[in-house]
């Protein structure tokens, strides 16, 4: 078993209960360098899905973590991003495919008996917005407005993150969608963007690796966002990583540029 690799000031909230979802999960909270108990400084917040993979190799899939804690520590100390709080929301059970899916799509198209997801993505969003975020805002010195709050994930978690950005723009204004499952339910996320009445105030990081199956679908999502009014390099950063795979190691490499894009250092007044 891999050794624990937590870096920096990380608090663990064990078995955080949700009435909305009817279950519990561990939540880990990274506090930036300079966070002091008696200070009045408030910080932006990034909520990341699959939190077991975010900070710690001992709990991460195949022992490979995203190294978000190490990366954030380095970037903050070098003043390459603004100090922020990072909330890692774990999801290690059978509920993941149901909670992360925005619709009741088929889980495995190749299976003889097709099984559908329950499509609890919006309900999971209500848990984040109505239960977890208020708790984090009470417990820690956060900047609570949407413009200071991000949501992120990879694969199905990346699909969820963008879906929640579209559904809850009054809560999240920054999105990290790493290798999102654009294929889900006949590219339903593309249609969700196309069906928007108007562009939303979301700043989006979107990426894919060229060794991922069906990676070209990410281009469909990018094109839909651009058609709706997002501007590449301004409020949409789209990256195709040549040779990039669908793996924790690949996503760990993209944490640095994603944080730099969404949380640039603030100018001193």
Foldseek 3Di string as FASTA:
>chain_A
DDDWQADADKDKDAFCDDPLVGGTFIKIKHFAPPFDPPDLDAFFEEEEEQLLQAGTLVRHDVSHHLNLRVLLRVCCVVQFFPGHMYMYTHDDDPCVVQQLAQDQFFPDPPDPDTHTHVNNLVSNLCCVVVPVLVVCVVVGRYPFFQLRYAYEYEASSLLSRVVSCLVCVRGHAEYERHNYNCPTPNSVVLVSLLPDPAQGNHQYEYEYEPPEVPRCSSVSSVVSNVVRPDDDPPRYDYYYHYRQYRDSHSSSVCSNVSSSSSGGRDDDD
